[in-house]
Amino acid sequence: MAPRLTVIGTGYLGATHAACMAKLGFEVMGMDVDAEKLAELAAGRAPMYEPGLDELLAEQVASGRLRFTTSYQEAAEFGDVHFVSVGTPQLRGEFAADVSYINTAFDGLAEHTARLGKEALIVGKSTVPVGTADRLAARLAETAPTVEVAWNPEFLREGFAVQDTLRPDRLVIGVRSQRAEDLLREVYAEPLAAGVPLVVTDFPTAEMAKVSANAFLATKISFINAMAEVCEAAGADVVQLADTLGYDDRIGRRFLNSGLGFGGGCLPKDIRAFMARAGELGADQALTFLREVDSINMRRRARMVELAREQCGGGFLGKRVAVLGAAFKPNSDDIRDSPALNVAGQIQLQGAQVTVYDPKAVDNARKMFPALAYADSAVEAARGAHVVLHLTEWQEFRDMDPSELEGAVSEKRILDGRNVLDPDKWRTAGWTYRALGRPQR
């Protein structure tokens, strides 16, 4: 008989994982302390925008394979394999990760599972400081000896989360027993049969897999943005430079896109937590380069503000600025550590009237940045603007014809913070086009 699964924490990761496991044919129960969120999920509505997820949730709830609860006891009674997908945010005032939600989830499951005398496997999916799994396993060995621990990091890309769960580019499981490995092989039988590579390893290696991947990607992004700084000083073109580098198979073109830099709920806090944990382990010198990676990333935001100020004649007072984009990346409504909103907020604080438009993230942005103005379209956001800032590379903006905005703006000036617009198209239409790391013509 197939194991029954629970997913503890139904945010971005948990909601996607629960729906996808039900799609693979398992009976799944999602557990969360937020009853309002669960009501939305049970109605087939995800707590965030993710392409295809609403439809998948509705389909799996209707099938009867997916249900939800606020009770640890009910989850413990239901499940054989429990996936823990709660958040590990950055501690306030520190670089380290807050693992209190992880501790609570493991303790809550273990308490009720031990009372029932059940055998169970608790699988961490959250990104945690290396050593967390060992610590939790030791704790559970004393309080719930029938409960085993495993670690199975996620590698989801926002905007592609459903396909990344159903057909990931690799699966990593950190286990200590053949039973745990066999259970997870059964859970992931379909993607494994389709040829998805599986890495079976120990706890520390599994924990480091995600944070190391994020550190590498952040480093690659900051590398090309450092090159953009030099390109601006030298009059070179960073986009052509990235294309040239990308032909080298050892380097590759992906994640070599210069611009406003990275944000979101993973890369920034994960590299900081990685540095903090390395320091605790006595290996702080190994990751000092990540401080510069972080610094380069933050400098891109400051440089965009400088460019906008230049385009406004040296100051923002009395100027109107249109910002296209609020989400930290396209195909998402996630505004956590959004470079676009960070820039918009800085410009607004310096005296400009800033109006923001995003296809999906306006509601979330309004809650976090109520002092900014918001619009329902790019044209409305650009009305009367002295400069337009393109800060999140939605396809809608990439496809936009300059003529759509020219009747609305006060001055035809556009700053491309993502280096994806066609400079020739905008310049031919009479616009002043500037971008990070590209020569001014």
Protein backbone atom coordinates (compact mmCIF):
# COMPACT_ATOMS: atom_id res chain seq x y z
CA MET A 1 0.00 0.00 0.00
CA ALA A 2 1.34 3.43 -0.96
CA PRO A 3 2.47 5.64 1.91
CA ARG A 4 0.25 8.56 2.85
CA LEU A 5 1.96 11.93 2.81
CA THR A 6 1.62 15.15 4.74
CA VAL A 7 3.15 18.52 3.94
CA ILE A 8 3.72 20.77 6.96
CA GLY A 9 3.66 24.40 5.92
CA THR A 10 1.59 25.39 2.89
CA GLY A 11 3.39 28.46 1.63
CA TYR A 12 5.04 28.64 -1.77
CA LEU A 13 7.03 25.42 -1.41
CA GLY A 14 4.51 23.44 0.63
CA ALA A 15 1.42 24.19 -1.44
CA THR A 16 3.24 23.26 -4.64
CA HIS A 17 4.70 20.08 -3.18
CA ALA A 18 1.36 18.94 -1.76
CA ALA A 19 -0.48 19.46 -5.04
CA CYS A 20 2.24 17.76 -7.07
CA MET A 21 2.44 14.73 -4.76
CA ALA A 22 -1.34 14.33 -5.11
CA LYS A 23 -0.90 14.61 -8.88
CA LEU A 24 1.54 11.68 -8.64
CA GLY A 25 -1.27 9.63 -7.11
CA PHE A 26 -0.64 9.86 -3.36
CA GLU A 27 -3.13 10.72 -0.65
CA VAL A 28 -1.84 14.00 0.74
CA MET A 29 -2.75 16.19 3.69
CA GLY A 30 -1.44 19.75 3.90
CA MET A 31 -1.08 21.15 7.41
CA ASP A 32 -0.74 24.79 8.42
CA VAL A 33 -1.64 26.96 11.42
CA ASP A 34 -3.24 29.57 9.12
CA ALA A 35 -6.87 28.46 8.74
CA GLU A 36 -7.64 31.29 6.31
CA LYS A 37 -4.88 30.17 3.96
CA LEU A 38 -6.10 26.58 4.12
CA ALA A 39 -9.61 27.65 3.20
CA GLU A 40 -8.22 29.31 0.07
CA LEU A 41 -6.20 26.20 -0.80
CA ALA A 42 -9.20 23.95 -0.29
CA ALA A 43 -11.06 26.16 -2.76
CA GLY A 44 -8.30 25.65 -5.33
CA ARG A 45 -6.60 29.03 -4.85
CA ALA A 46 -2.89 29.23 -4.09
CA PRO A 47 -1.60 31.79 -1.56
CA MET A 48 0.66 33.19 -4.27
CA TYR A 49 0.71 33.55 -8.05
CA GLU A 50 2.38 30.56 -9.65
CA PRO A 51 1.52 29.52 -13.22
CA GLY A 52 -0.59 26.35 -13.28
CA LEU A 53 -0.81 25.91 -9.52
CA ASP A 54 -4.43 27.05 -9.03
CA GLU A 55 -5.62 24.60 -11.65
CA LEU A 56 -3.57 21.78 -10.15
CA LEU A 57 -4.86 22.49 -6.63
CA ALA A 58 -8.48 22.55 -7.78
CA GLU A 59 -8.00 19.31 -9.70
CA GLN A 60 -6.41 17.45 -6.81
CA VAL A 61 -8.84 18.72 -4.14
CA ALA A 62 -11.72 17.61 -6.38
CA SER A 63 -10.10 14.18 -6.80
CA GLY A 64 -10.17 13.63 -3.04
CA ARG A 65 -6.42 12.98 -2.92
CA LEU A 66 -5.62 16.38 -1.37
CA ARG A 67 -7.04 17.78 1.86
CA PHE A 68 -5.94 20.21 4.57
CA THR A 69 -5.86 20.55 8.35
CA THR A 70 -4.64 22.85 11.13
CA SER A 71 -4.01 19.92 13.50
CA TYR A 72 -0.64 18.27 14.13
CA GLN A 73 -2.49 15.36 15.68
CA GLU A 74 -4.58 14.80 12.55
CA ALA A 75 -1.47 15.05 10.38
CA ALA A 76 0.38 12.54 12.56
CA GLU A 77 -2.53 10.10 12.48
CA PHE A 78 -2.86 10.44 8.69
CA GLY A 79 0.69 10.39 7.39
CA ASP A 80 3.50 7.89 6.97
CA VAL A 81 5.92 10.36 5.39
CA HIS A 82 5.83 13.98 6.55
CA PHE A 83 7.46 16.71 4.42
CA VAL A 84 8.34 19.85 6.40
CA SER A 85 8.27 22.94 4.18
CA VAL A 86 8.14 25.84 6.64
CA GLY A 87 10.07 29.08 6.29
CA THR A 88 13.59 29.82 7.54
CA PRO A 89 13.71 33.62 7.34
CA GLN A 90 16.70 35.75 8.22
CA LEU A 91 16.85 36.62 11.92
CA ARG A 92 16.19 40.29 12.57
CA GLY A 93 19.47 42.15 12.94
CA GLU A 94 21.56 39.07 12.07
CA PHE A 95 22.71 37.09 9.05
CA ALA A 96 21.72 33.74 10.56
CA ALA A 97 18.56 31.81 9.66
CA ASP A 98 15.61 31.55 12.04
CA VAL A 99 14.96 27.81 12.44
CA SER A 100 12.24 28.16 15.08
CA TYR A 101 9.49 27.14 12.61
CA ILE A 102 11.44 24.00 11.72
CA ASN A 103 11.86 23.11 15.39
CA THR A 104 8.15 23.62 16.05
CA ALA A 105 7.10 21.47 13.09
CA PHE A 106 9.38 18.56 13.96
CA ASP A 107 8.44 18.69 17.65
CA GLY A 108 4.73 18.88 16.88
CA LEU A 109 4.82 15.87 14.59
CA ALA A 110 7.11 13.85 16.86
CA GLU A 111 4.97 14.43 19.95
CA HIS A 112 1.79 13.09 18.38
CA THR A 113 3.50 10.32 16.42
CA ALA A 114 5.21 9.04 19.60
CA ARG A 115 1.90 9.09 21.45
CA LEU A 116 0.39 6.95 18.68
CA GLY A 117 3.37 4.59 18.71
CA LYS A 118 3.63 4.90 14.91
CA GLU A 119 6.65 4.54 12.70
CA ALA A 120 7.07 7.61 10.53
CA LEU A 121 9.59 9.46 8.40
CA ILE A 122 9.90 13.25 8.75
CA VAL A 123 11.58 14.76 5.70
CA GLY A 124 12.96 18.27 5.81
CA LYS A 125 12.57 20.25 2.59
CA SER A 126 13.30 23.71 3.98
CA THR A 127 16.67 25.37 3.41
CA VAL A 128 18.47 25.15 6.76
CA PRO A 129 21.92 25.70 8.26
CA VAL A 130 24.07 22.59 7.81
CA GLY A 131 23.86 20.50 10.98
CA THR A 132 20.14 21.05 11.52
CA ALA A 133 19.16 17.53 10.47
CA ASP A 134 21.72 15.92 12.80
CA ARG A 135 20.45 18.07 15.68
CA LEU A 136 16.81 17.24 15.00
CA ALA A 137 17.54 13.52 14.59
CA ALA A 138 19.29 13.46 17.96
CA ARG A 139 16.36 15.26 19.57
CA LEU A 140 13.81 12.87 18.08
CA ALA A 141 15.85 9.82 19.07
CA GLU A 142 15.09 10.75 22.68
CA THR A 143 11.49 11.94 22.36
CA ALA A 144 10.14 9.83 19.48
CA PRO A 145 12.38 6.79 18.77
CA THR A 146 9.96 5.41 16.13
CA VAL A 147 10.36 8.55 14.03
CA GLU A 148 13.19 8.80 11.47
CA VAL A 149 14.58 11.95 9.86
CA ALA A 150 15.64 12.55 6.26
CA TRP A 151 16.49 15.66 4.24
CA ASN A 152 15.26 16.33 0.72
CA PRO A 153 16.10 19.89 -0.40
CA GLU A 154 13.98 21.67 -3.01
CA PHE A 155 15.36 23.40 -6.10
CA LEU A 156 12.22 25.16 -7.32
CA ARG A 157 12.31 28.20 -9.56
CA GLU A 158 9.45 30.60 -8.99
CA GLY A 159 7.40 30.70 -12.16
CA PHE A 160 8.30 27.05 -12.95
CA ALA A 161 7.56 25.41 -9.59
CA VAL A 162 5.03 22.83 -10.79
CA GLN A 163 7.23 21.43 -13.53
CA ASP A 164 10.30 21.58 -11.27
CA THR A 165 8.48 19.43 -8.70
CA LEU A 166 7.02 16.89 -11.12
CA ARG A 167 10.15 16.69 -13.30
CA PRO A 168 13.10 18.12 -11.33
CA ASP A 169 16.58 18.26 -12.83
CA ARG A 170 17.80 16.19 -9.87
CA LEU A 171 16.60 14.71 -6.58
CA VAL A 172 18.76 14.79 -3.47
CA ILE A 173 17.97 12.77 -0.34
CA GLY A 174 19.99 12.69 2.86
CA VAL A 175 19.21 9.48 4.75
CA ARG A 176 20.60 7.24 7.47
CA SER A 177 18.77 3.98 6.74
CA GLN A 178 17.72 1.80 3.86
CA ARG A 179 14.11 2.12 5.01
CA ALA A 180 14.18 5.90 4.63
CA GLU A 181 15.80 5.62 1.21
CA ASP A 182 13.25 3.03 0.08
CA LEU A 183 10.32 5.17 1.22
CA LEU A 184 11.58 8.21 -0.67
CA ARG A 185 12.32 6.12 -3.74
CA GLU A 186 8.67 5.01 -3.60
CA VAL A 187 7.45 8.59 -3.24
CA TYR A 188 9.51 9.72 -6.22
CA ALA A 189 9.08 6.54 -8.29
CA GLU A 190 7.49 8.32 -11.25
CA PRO A 191 10.14 11.01 -11.81
CA LEU A 192 12.90 8.45 -11.15
CA ALA A 193 11.38 6.15 -13.77
CA ALA A 194 11.43 9.11 -16.17
CA GLY A 195 15.20 9.37 -15.72
CA VAL A 196 15.54 12.10 -13.09
CA PRO A 197 18.98 11.66 -11.44
CA LEU A 198 18.98 10.73 -7.75
CA VAL A 199 21.77 11.57 -5.30
CA VAL A 200 21.60 9.55 -2.07
CA THR A 201 23.85 11.11 0.53
CA ASP A 202 24.29 12.04 4.18
CA PHE A 203 22.52 14.82 6.08
CA PRO A 204 25.20 17.55 5.82
CA THR A 205 25.69 17.10 2.07
CA ALA A 206 21.94 17.17 1.43
CA GLU A 207 21.57 20.33 3.53
CA MET A 208 24.44 22.03 1.70
CA ALA A 209 23.13 21.11 -1.76
CA LYS A 210 20.53 23.90 -1.90
CA VAL A 211 22.46 26.67 -0.20
CA SER A 212 25.59 25.90 -2.23
CA ALA A 213 23.57 26.06 -5.45
CA ASN A 214 22.11 29.41 -4.41
CA ALA A 215 25.55 30.73 -3.45
CA PHE A 216 26.92 29.74 -6.87
CA LEU A 217 24.02 31.34 -8.76
CA ALA A 218 24.29 34.53 -6.69
CA THR A 219 28.02 34.63 -7.39
CA LYS A 220 27.47 34.24 -11.14
CA ILE A 221 24.90 37.04 -11.18
CA SER A 222 27.12 39.35 -9.14
CA PHE A 223 30.13 38.51 -11.32
CA ILE A 224 28.44 39.80 -14.47
CA ASN A 225 27.14 42.81 -12.56
CA ALA A 226 30.69 43.57 -11.42
CA MET A 227 31.69 43.37 -15.09
CA ALA A 228 28.85 45.81 -15.82
CA GLU A 229 30.43 48.32 -13.45
CA VAL A 230 33.71 48.06 -15.33
CA CYS A 231 31.90 48.19 -18.67
CA GLU A 232 30.25 51.48 -17.69
CA ALA A 233 33.66 52.93 -16.79
CA ALA A 234 35.31 51.62 -19.97
CA GLY A 235 32.49 52.26 -22.45
CA ALA A 236 32.02 48.54 -23.14
CA ASP A 237 28.74 46.64 -23.59
CA VAL A 238 28.06 44.08 -20.85
CA VAL A 239 25.35 42.28 -22.84
CA GLN A 240 27.74 41.56 -25.70
CA LEU A 241 30.38 40.60 -23.15
CA ALA A 242 27.99 38.12 -21.49
CA ASP A 243 27.10 36.65 -24.90
CA THR A 244 30.80 36.18 -25.62
CA LEU A 245 31.46 34.52 -22.27
CA GLY A 246 28.38 32.34 -22.63
CA TYR A 247 29.77 30.56 -25.69
CA ASP A 248 32.35 28.99 -23.40
CA ASP A 249 30.81 25.70 -22.23
CA ARG A 250 32.71 25.98 -18.96
CA ILE A 251 30.86 29.22 -18.18
CA GLY A 252 27.50 29.05 -19.98
CA ARG A 253 25.06 31.88 -20.66
CA ARG A 254 22.36 31.12 -18.04
CA PHE A 255 22.32 33.43 -15.01
CA LEU A 256 24.85 35.64 -16.76
CA ASN A 257 22.34 38.46 -17.23
CA SER A 258 23.47 41.80 -15.90
CA GLY A 259 21.04 44.31 -14.49
CA LEU A 260 19.40 45.21 -11.22
CA GLY A 261 20.52 42.03 -9.48
CA PHE A 262 18.81 39.30 -7.50
CA GLY A 263 16.20 39.45 -4.76
CA GLY A 264 13.40 37.25 -3.50
CA GLY A 265 13.00 35.06 -0.47
CA CYS A 266 15.92 32.69 -1.15
CA LEU A 267 19.19 33.95 -2.61
CA PRO A 268 19.78 37.02 -0.38
CA LYS A 269 18.90 35.40 2.95
CA ASP A 270 20.43 32.03 2.03
CA ILE A 271 23.90 33.39 1.23
CA ARG A 272 23.86 35.43 4.44
CA ALA A 273 22.80 32.42 6.51
CA PHE A 274 25.51 30.35 4.78
CA MET A 275 28.14 32.88 5.82
CA ALA A 276 26.83 32.90 9.38
CA ARG A 277 26.87 29.11 9.63
CA ALA A 278 30.37 28.87 8.16
CA GLY A 279 31.50 31.24 10.91
CA GLU A 280 29.92 29.04 13.57
CA LEU A 281 31.75 26.04 12.10
CA GLY A 282 35.10 27.86 12.10
CA ALA A 283 35.20 28.07 8.29
CA ASP A 284 34.29 31.74 7.95
CA GLN A 285 37.28 32.51 5.68
CA ALA A 286 35.91 30.11 3.07
CA LEU A 287 32.87 32.28 2.38
CA THR A 288 34.15 35.84 2.79
CA PHE A 289 33.74 36.27 -0.98
CA LEU A 290 29.96 36.08 -0.48
CA ARG A 291 30.09 39.41 1.34
CA GLU A 292 31.29 41.02 -1.87
CA VAL A 293 28.67 39.09 -3.87
CA ASP A 294 26.02 40.61 -1.59
CA SER A 295 27.62 44.06 -1.79
CA ILE A 296 27.78 44.05 -5.60
CA ASN A 297 24.13 43.05 -5.71
CA MET A 298 23.04 45.91 -3.46
CA ARG A 299 25.18 48.43 -5.40
CA ARG A 300 23.16 47.76 -8.55
CA ARG A 301 20.08 49.17 -6.85
CA ALA A 302 21.93 52.30 -5.79
CA ARG A 303 23.29 52.72 -9.33
CA MET A 304 19.78 52.54 -10.80
CA VAL A 305 18.67 55.31 -8.44
CA GLU A 306 21.68 57.39 -9.56
CA LEU A 307 20.82 56.87 -13.24
CA ALA A 308 17.20 57.84 -12.63
CA ARG A 309 18.32 60.98 -10.82
CA GLU A 310 20.57 61.91 -13.74
CA GLN A 311 17.67 61.46 -16.17
CA CYS A 312 15.57 63.75 -13.97
CA GLY A 313 18.10 66.56 -14.28
CA GLY A 314 20.00 65.86 -11.08
CA GLY A 315 17.14 65.74 -8.58
CA PHE A 316 13.77 64.10 -7.97
CA LEU A 317 11.78 66.95 -6.43
CA GLY A 318 8.75 67.67 -8.56
CA LYS A 319 9.48 64.76 -10.90
CA ARG A 320 7.22 61.85 -11.79
CA VAL A 321 8.80 58.40 -12.16
CA ALA A 322 7.10 55.33 -13.62
CA VAL A 323 8.27 51.92 -12.41
CA LEU A 324 7.42 48.86 -14.49
CA GLY A 325 7.67 45.87 -12.20
CA ALA A 326 7.19 45.16 -8.50
CA ALA A 327 7.81 41.41 -8.18
CA PHE A 328 11.42 40.35 -7.67
CA LYS A 329 11.19 38.31 -10.89
CA PRO A 330 8.63 37.74 -13.67
CA ASN A 331 5.87 35.12 -13.46
CA SER A 332 5.56 35.68 -9.72
CA ASP A 333 3.80 38.01 -7.30
CA ASP A 334 6.60 37.58 -4.73
CA ILE A 335 7.90 40.97 -3.54
CA ARG A 336 10.29 39.73 -0.85
CA ASP A 337 13.50 41.76 -1.11
CA SER A 338 12.33 43.01 -4.50
CA PRO A 339 15.02 45.14 -6.21
CA ALA A 340 12.27 46.95 -8.14
CA LEU A 341 10.41 48.06 -5.03
CA ASN A 342 13.64 48.87 -3.23
CA VAL A 343 14.56 51.28 -6.04
CA ALA A 344 11.03 52.69 -6.21
CA GLY A 345 11.02 53.30 -2.45
CA GLN A 346 14.41 55.03 -2.49
CA ILE A 347 13.34 57.35 -5.31
CA GLN A 348 10.06 58.17 -3.58
CA LEU A 349 11.92 59.02 -0.35
CA GLN A 350 14.10 61.43 -2.34
CA GLY A 351 11.10 63.46 -3.46
CA ALA A 352 9.73 61.95 -6.66
CA GLN A 353 6.15 60.89 -7.23
CA VAL A 354 6.52 57.22 -8.09
CA THR A 355 3.82 55.12 -9.76
CA VAL A 356 4.28 51.35 -10.01
CA TYR A 357 2.66 48.82 -12.31
CA ASP A 358 3.12 45.05 -12.22
CA PRO A 359 0.90 42.41 -13.91
CA LYS A 360 0.55 40.33 -10.71
CA ALA A 361 2.28 41.90 -7.70
CA VAL A 362 0.51 45.25 -7.20
CA ASP A 363 -1.70 44.03 -4.35
CA ASN A 364 1.25 42.63 -2.42
CA ALA A 365 3.33 45.73 -3.13
CA ARG A 366 0.58 48.06 -1.94
CA LYS A 367 0.48 46.32 1.44
CA MET A 368 4.26 46.61 1.91
CA PHE A 369 4.82 50.05 0.32
CA PRO A 370 1.57 52.00 0.81
CA ALA A 371 3.26 55.37 0.19
CA LEU A 372 3.89 54.52 -3.46
CA ALA A 373 1.23 55.10 -6.10
CA TYR A 374 -0.01 52.16 -8.17
CA ALA A 375 -1.55 51.78 -11.60
CA ASP A 376 -3.55 49.16 -13.47
CA SER A 377 -1.49 49.37 -16.66
CA ALA A 378 1.90 50.44 -17.93
CA VAL A 379 0.32 53.37 -19.76
CA GLU A 380 -1.40 54.60 -16.61
CA ALA A 381 1.84 54.29 -14.62
CA ALA A 382 3.72 56.28 -17.29
CA ARG A 383 1.25 59.17 -17.37
CA GLY A 384 3.22 62.41 -16.97
CA ALA A 385 6.46 60.55 -16.18
CA HIS A 386 9.80 62.25 -16.69
CA VAL A 387 11.49 58.83 -16.80
CA VAL A 388 10.27 55.23 -17.07
CA LEU A 389 12.16 52.50 -15.19
CA HIS A 390 11.89 48.91 -16.43
CA LEU A 391 12.76 46.84 -13.35
CA THR A 392 11.06 43.40 -13.64
CA GLU A 393 11.35 41.62 -16.98
CA TRP A 394 7.77 40.53 -17.55
CA GLN A 395 7.11 39.45 -21.13
CA GLU A 396 4.47 42.18 -21.33
CA PHE A 397 7.19 44.79 -20.93
CA ARG A 398 9.66 43.05 -23.22
CA ASP A 399 7.04 42.99 -26.00
CA MET A 400 5.87 46.56 -25.45
CA ASP A 401 6.03 48.95 -28.40
CA PRO A 402 7.45 52.38 -27.47
CA SER A 403 4.44 54.02 -29.12
CA GLU A 404 2.22 52.59 -26.35
CA LEU A 405 3.80 54.93 -23.81
CA GLU A 406 4.84 57.98 -25.80
CA GLY A 407 1.44 59.66 -25.59
CA ALA A 408 1.43 59.30 -21.82
CA VAL A 409 4.90 60.36 -20.73
CA SER A 410 6.15 63.88 -20.13
CA GLU A 411 9.62 62.99 -21.44
CA LYS A 412 10.65 60.01 -23.54
CA ARG A 413 13.31 58.55 -21.28
CA ILE A 414 13.58 54.88 -20.33
CA LEU A 415 16.04 53.06 -18.07
CA ASP A 416 16.26 49.32 -18.70
CA GLY A 417 17.18 47.75 -15.38
CA ARG A 418 17.12 44.23 -16.81
CA ASN A 419 18.92 44.69 -20.15
CA VAL A 420 16.23 42.88 -22.13
CA LEU A 421 14.58 45.70 -24.10
CA ASP A 422 15.73 46.40 -27.65
CA PRO A 423 17.81 49.61 -27.49
CA ASP A 424 17.57 50.27 -31.23
CA LYS A 425 13.76 50.01 -31.19
CA TRP A 426 13.41 52.53 -28.37
CA ARG A 427 16.04 54.93 -29.71
CA THR A 428 14.56 54.82 -33.20
CA ALA A 429 11.22 55.81 -31.66
CA GLY A 430 12.87 58.92 -30.21
CA TRP A 431 13.48 57.72 -26.66
CA THR A 432 16.61 58.24 -24.57
CA TYR A 433 17.55 54.69 -23.65
CA ARG A 434 19.99 53.85 -20.84
CA ALA A 435 20.85 50.54 -19.20
CA LEU A 436 23.23 49.27 -16.57
CA GLY A 437 26.57 48.28 -18.07
CA ARG A 438 25.89 49.51 -21.59
CA PRO A 439 27.43 52.50 -23.36
CA GLN A 440 25.44 55.71 -23.69
CA ARG A 441 24.75 56.56 -27.30
